[in-house]
Amino acid sequence: MIKSELIAKLATENPHLTVKDVEKVVSIIFDEMIEALERGGRVELRGFGAFSVRSRPARSGRNPRTGETVKVKAKHVPFFKSGKELRERLNADE
């Protein structure tokens, strides 16, 4: 599901809200999640999972085209850990 599909589904399920209102709400939620992660925080959605930020150290990499060794800078990357309920629902058929 992409963002526009989420907005369309929420607008359909909540006919008292306009599509613009739903779009604004979804954008605010995503912006707040991003800002929390930027501050080094963690975003937890019970039953779904938790987003956090992990640090990756600088390292030596390789250019696949030339085979040349290159330096890769240290960086921060988003990390998602699924919640128990999500894992159970995904594996319910097995």
N, C-alpha and C. Protein backbone atom coordinates (compact mmCIF):
# COMPACT_ATOMS: atom_id res chain seq x y z
N MET A 1 0.85 -1.18 0.00
CA MET A 1 0.00 0.00 0.00
C MET A 1 0.89 1.24 0.00
N ILE A 2 0.53 2.18 -0.84
CA ILE A 2 1.27 3.44 -0.89
C ILE A 2 0.44 4.53 -0.20
N LYS A 3 1.08 5.67 0.04
CA LYS A 3 0.45 6.74 0.81
C LYS A 3 -0.90 7.16 0.21
N SER A 4 -0.98 7.31 -1.10
CA SER A 4 -2.24 7.74 -1.72
C SER A 4 -3.34 6.70 -1.53
N GLU A 5 -2.98 5.41 -1.53
CA GLU A 5 -3.97 4.36 -1.29
C GLU A 5 -4.47 4.41 0.15
N LEU A 6 -3.56 4.67 1.09
CA LEU A 6 -3.94 4.81 2.50
C LEU A 6 -4.91 5.97 2.67
N ILE A 7 -4.60 7.09 2.05
CA ILE A 7 -5.47 8.27 2.14
C ILE A 7 -6.84 7.97 1.56
N ALA A 8 -6.87 7.32 0.40
CA ALA A 8 -8.15 6.99 -0.24
C ALA A 8 -8.98 6.05 0.65
N LYS A 9 -8.33 5.05 1.24
CA LYS A 9 -9.06 4.10 2.10
C LYS A 9 -9.61 4.80 3.35
N LEU A 10 -8.81 5.63 3.97
CA LEU A 10 -9.27 6.35 5.15
C LEU A 10 -10.41 7.32 4.81
N ALA A 11 -10.32 7.96 3.66
CA ALA A 11 -11.38 8.89 3.24
C ALA A 11 -12.68 8.12 2.98
N THR A 12 -12.58 6.92 2.42
CA THR A 12 -13.76 6.10 2.15
C THR A 12 -14.40 5.64 3.46
N GLU A 13 -13.58 5.25 4.42
CA GLU A 13 -14.09 4.75 5.71
C GLU A 13 -14.59 5.87 6.62
N ASN A 14 -14.22 7.11 6.31
CA ASN A 14 -14.64 8.26 7.12
C ASN A 14 -15.26 9.32 6.21
N PRO A 15 -16.49 9.09 5.75
CA PRO A 15 -17.09 10.00 4.77
C PRO A 15 -17.35 11.41 5.32
N HIS A 16 -17.32 11.58 6.64
CA HIS A 16 -17.51 12.91 7.22
C HIS A 16 -16.26 13.78 7.06
N LEU A 17 -15.13 13.19 6.64
CA LEU A 17 -13.90 13.94 6.42
C LEU A 17 -13.65 14.08 4.92
N THR A 18 -13.09 15.22 4.54
CA THR A 18 -12.73 15.41 3.13
C THR A 18 -11.40 14.72 2.87
N VAL A 19 -11.11 14.48 1.60
CA VAL A 19 -9.83 13.87 1.23
C VAL A 19 -8.68 14.77 1.66
N LYS A 20 -8.86 16.08 1.54
CA LYS A 20 -7.81 17.02 1.96
C LYS A 20 -7.54 16.91 3.45
N ASP A 21 -8.60 16.76 4.25
CA ASP A 21 -8.42 16.62 5.70
C ASP A 21 -7.67 15.33 6.04
N VAL A 22 -8.05 14.25 5.39
CA VAL A 22 -7.38 12.96 5.63
C VAL A 22 -5.92 13.05 5.21
N GLU A 23 -5.67 13.68 4.07
CA GLU A 23 -4.30 13.84 3.58
C GLU A 23 -3.47 14.64 4.58
N LYS A 24 -4.06 15.68 5.15
CA LYS A 24 -3.36 16.50 6.14
C LYS A 24 -3.04 15.70 7.39
N VAL A 25 -3.99 14.90 7.86
CA VAL A 25 -3.79 14.08 9.06
C VAL A 25 -2.66 13.07 8.84
N VAL A 26 -2.69 12.38 7.70
CA VAL A 26 -1.66 11.38 7.39
C VAL A 26 -0.29 12.05 7.31
N SER A 27 -0.23 13.20 6.67
CA SER A 27 1.05 13.92 6.57
C SER A 27 1.57 14.35 7.93
N ILE A 28 0.68 14.82 8.79
CA ILE A 28 1.09 15.23 10.14
C ILE A 28 1.64 14.03 10.92
N ILE A 29 0.97 12.89 10.81
CA ILE A 29 1.43 11.69 11.53
C ILE A 29 2.82 11.28 11.04
N PHE A 30 3.00 11.21 9.72
CA PHE A 30 4.30 10.82 9.18
C PHE A 30 5.38 11.84 9.54
N ASP A 31 5.05 13.14 9.48
CA ASP A 31 6.03 14.17 9.84
C ASP A 31 6.45 14.06 11.30
N GLU A 32 5.50 13.79 12.19
CA GLU A 32 5.83 13.64 13.60
C GLU A 32 6.70 12.41 13.84
N MET A 33 6.42 11.33 13.12
CA MET A 33 7.25 10.13 13.25
C MET A 33 8.68 10.43 12.81
N ILE A 34 8.83 11.12 11.70
CA ILE A 34 10.15 11.47 11.18
C ILE A 34 10.89 12.37 12.16
N GLU A 35 10.19 13.37 12.69
CA GLU A 35 10.83 14.29 13.64
C GLU A 35 11.27 13.55 14.91
N ALA A 36 10.48 12.61 15.38
CA ALA A 36 10.86 11.83 16.57
C ALA A 36 12.13 11.02 16.29
N LEU A 37 12.21 10.43 15.11
CA LEU A 37 13.39 9.66 14.74
C LEU A 37 14.60 10.57 14.56
N GLU A 38 14.40 11.77 14.03
CA GLU A 38 15.50 12.73 13.88
C GLU A 38 16.08 13.11 15.24
N ARG A 39 15.22 13.20 16.24
CA ARG A 39 15.68 13.54 17.61
C ARG A 39 16.34 12.34 18.30
N GLY A 40 16.41 11.21 17.61
CA GLY A 40 17.01 10.04 18.21
C GLY A 40 16.03 9.20 18.99
N GLY A 41 14.76 9.52 18.89
CA GLY A 41 13.73 8.80 19.63
C GLY A 41 13.32 7.52 18.92
N ARG A 42 12.26 6.96 19.44
CA ARG A 42 11.72 5.70 18.93
C ARG A 42 10.23 5.88 18.73
N VAL A 43 9.68 5.31 17.68
CA VAL A 43 8.25 5.40 17.41
C VAL A 43 7.68 3.99 17.49
N GLU A 44 6.77 3.78 18.44
CA GLU A 44 6.19 2.45 18.63
C GLU A 44 4.70 2.50 18.35
N LEU A 45 4.25 1.60 17.48
CA LEU A 45 2.84 1.44 17.17
C LEU A 45 2.45 0.07 17.68
N ARG A 46 1.76 0.03 18.81
CA ARG A 46 1.42 -1.25 19.47
C ARG A 46 0.74 -2.20 18.51
N GLY A 47 1.21 -3.43 18.50
CA GLY A 47 0.65 -4.47 17.63
C GLY A 47 1.23 -4.45 16.24
N PHE A 48 1.86 -3.34 15.85
CA PHE A 48 2.43 -3.24 14.50
C PHE A 48 3.95 -3.37 14.55
N GLY A 49 4.59 -2.50 15.31
CA GLY A 49 6.04 -2.57 15.42
C GLY A 49 6.64 -1.27 15.92
N ALA A 50 7.96 -1.22 15.90
CA ALA A 50 8.68 -0.05 16.39
C ALA A 50 9.74 0.39 15.39
N PHE A 51 9.81 1.70 15.19
CA PHE A 51 10.83 2.29 14.34
C PHE A 51 11.88 2.93 15.24
N SER A 52 13.14 2.77 14.88
CA SER A 52 14.22 3.41 15.61
C SER A 52 15.32 3.74 14.61
N VAL A 53 16.37 4.38 15.11
CA VAL A 53 17.49 4.76 14.25
C VAL A 53 18.73 4.02 14.74
N ARG A 54 19.44 3.44 13.81
CA ARG A 54 20.70 2.76 14.14
C ARG A 54 21.84 3.45 13.42
N SER A 55 23.01 3.42 14.05
CA SER A 55 24.20 4.02 13.46
C SER A 55 25.03 2.96 12.76
N ARG A 56 25.49 3.30 11.60
CA ARG A 56 26.40 2.41 10.88
C ARG A 56 27.76 3.09 10.83
N PRO A 57 28.81 2.40 11.24
CA PRO A 57 30.15 3.03 11.24
C PRO A 57 30.69 3.20 9.82
N ALA A 58 31.71 4.04 9.71
CA ALA A 58 32.40 4.20 8.43
C ALA A 58 33.07 2.88 8.08
N ARG A 59 33.19 2.62 6.78
CA ARG A 59 33.79 1.36 6.36
C ARG A 59 34.38 1.51 4.97
N SER A 60 35.12 0.51 4.55
CA SER A 60 35.64 0.47 3.19
C SER A 60 34.66 -0.33 2.34
N GLY A 61 34.34 0.19 1.19
CA GLY A 61 33.45 -0.49 0.27
C GLY A 61 34.16 -0.72 -1.06
N ARG A 62 33.42 -1.22 -2.02
CA ARG A 62 34.01 -1.49 -3.33
C ARG A 62 33.05 -1.02 -4.40
N ASN A 63 33.57 -0.28 -5.37
CA ASN A 63 32.79 0.14 -6.51
C ASN A 63 32.59 -1.10 -7.39
N PRO A 64 31.34 -1.56 -7.57
CA PRO A 64 31.12 -2.80 -8.33
C PRO A 64 31.50 -2.69 -9.81
N ARG A 65 31.47 -1.48 -10.33
CA ARG A 65 31.80 -1.31 -11.75
C ARG A 65 33.30 -1.39 -12.01
N THR A 66 34.09 -0.72 -11.14
CA THR A 66 35.53 -0.66 -11.38
C THR A 66 36.33 -1.57 -10.45
N GLY A 67 35.72 -2.01 -9.36
CA GLY A 67 36.45 -2.83 -8.39
C GLY A 67 37.30 -2.00 -7.45
N GLU A 68 37.27 -0.69 -7.61
CA GLU A 68 38.08 0.22 -6.81
C GLU A 68 37.53 0.30 -5.38
N THR A 69 38.44 0.36 -4.40
CA THR A 69 38.04 0.49 -3.00
C THR A 69 37.66 1.94 -2.74
N VAL A 70 36.52 2.13 -2.07
CA VAL A 70 36.05 3.48 -1.74
C VAL A 70 35.71 3.53 -0.26
N LYS A 71 35.79 4.73 0.32
CA LYS A 71 35.43 4.91 1.72
C LYS A 71 33.94 5.27 1.79
N VAL A 72 33.22 4.58 2.67
CA VAL A 72 31.81 4.85 2.90
C VAL A 72 31.70 5.52 4.26
N LYS A 73 31.08 6.70 4.27
CA LYS A 73 30.96 7.48 5.52
C LYS A 73 30.03 6.79 6.51
N ALA A 74 30.21 7.13 7.78
CA ALA A 74 29.29 6.67 8.83
C ALA A 74 27.93 7.30 8.56
N LYS A 75 26.87 6.58 8.92
CA LYS A 75 25.54 7.14 8.68
C LYS A 75 24.53 6.55 9.65
N HIS A 76 23.38 7.19 9.71
CA HIS A 76 22.26 6.73 10.52
C HIS A 76 21.21 6.18 9.57
N VAL A 77 20.64 5.02 9.92
CA VAL A 77 19.63 4.39 9.07
C VAL A 77 18.40 4.03 9.91
N PRO A 78 17.22 4.11 9.29
CA PRO A 78 16.02 3.70 10.02
C PRO A 78 15.97 2.19 10.17
N PHE A 79 15.41 1.73 11.29
CA PHE A 79 15.30 0.30 11.56
C PHE A 79 13.89 0.02 12.03
N PHE A 80 13.29 -1.07 11.55
CA PHE A 80 11.94 -1.45 11.94
C PHE A 80 11.96 -2.83 12.55
N LYS A 81 11.34 -2.97 13.70
CA LYS A 81 11.18 -4.27 14.34
C LYS A 81 9.69 -4.53 14.45
N SER A 82 9.24 -5.61 13.82
CA SER A 82 7.80 -5.90 13.83
C SER A 82 7.33 -6.31 15.21
N GLY A 83 6.06 -6.00 15.49
CA GLY A 83 5.45 -6.33 16.77
C GLY A 83 4.96 -7.78 16.77
N LYS A 84 4.71 -8.27 17.94
CA LYS A 84 4.27 -9.66 18.11
C LYS A 84 2.97 -9.94 17.35
N GLU A 85 1.99 -9.05 17.47
CA GLU A 85 0.70 -9.26 16.81
C GLU A 85 0.85 -9.31 15.29
N LEU A 86 1.67 -8.44 14.73
CA LEU A 86 1.91 -8.44 13.28
C LEU A 86 2.55 -9.76 12.84
N ARG A 87 3.57 -10.20 13.57
CA ARG A 87 4.22 -11.47 13.22
C ARG A 87 3.24 -12.63 13.29
N GLU A 88 2.42 -12.64 14.34
CA GLU A 88 1.45 -13.73 14.49
C GLU A 88 0.42 -13.74 13.36
N ARG A 89 -0.06 -12.56 12.96
CA ARG A 89 -1.04 -12.49 11.87
C ARG A 89 -0.43 -12.89 10.54
N LEU A 90 0.83 -12.54 10.31
CA LEU A 90 1.49 -12.91 9.06
C LEU A 90 1.74 -14.41 8.97
N ASN A 91 1.91 -15.06 10.12
CA ASN A 91 2.21 -16.48 10.14
C ASN A 91 1.02 -17.34 10.58
N ALA A 92 -0.17 -16.79 10.56
CA ALA A 92 -1.36 -17.51 11.02
C ALA A 92 -1.72 -18.70 10.12
N ASP A 93 -1.39 -18.64 8.85
CA ASP A 93 -1.74 -19.69 7.90
C ASP A 93 -0.86 -20.92 8.02
N GLU A 94 0.30 -20.76 8.61
CA GLU A 94 1.25 -21.88 8.65
C GLU A 94 0.96 -22.84 9.76
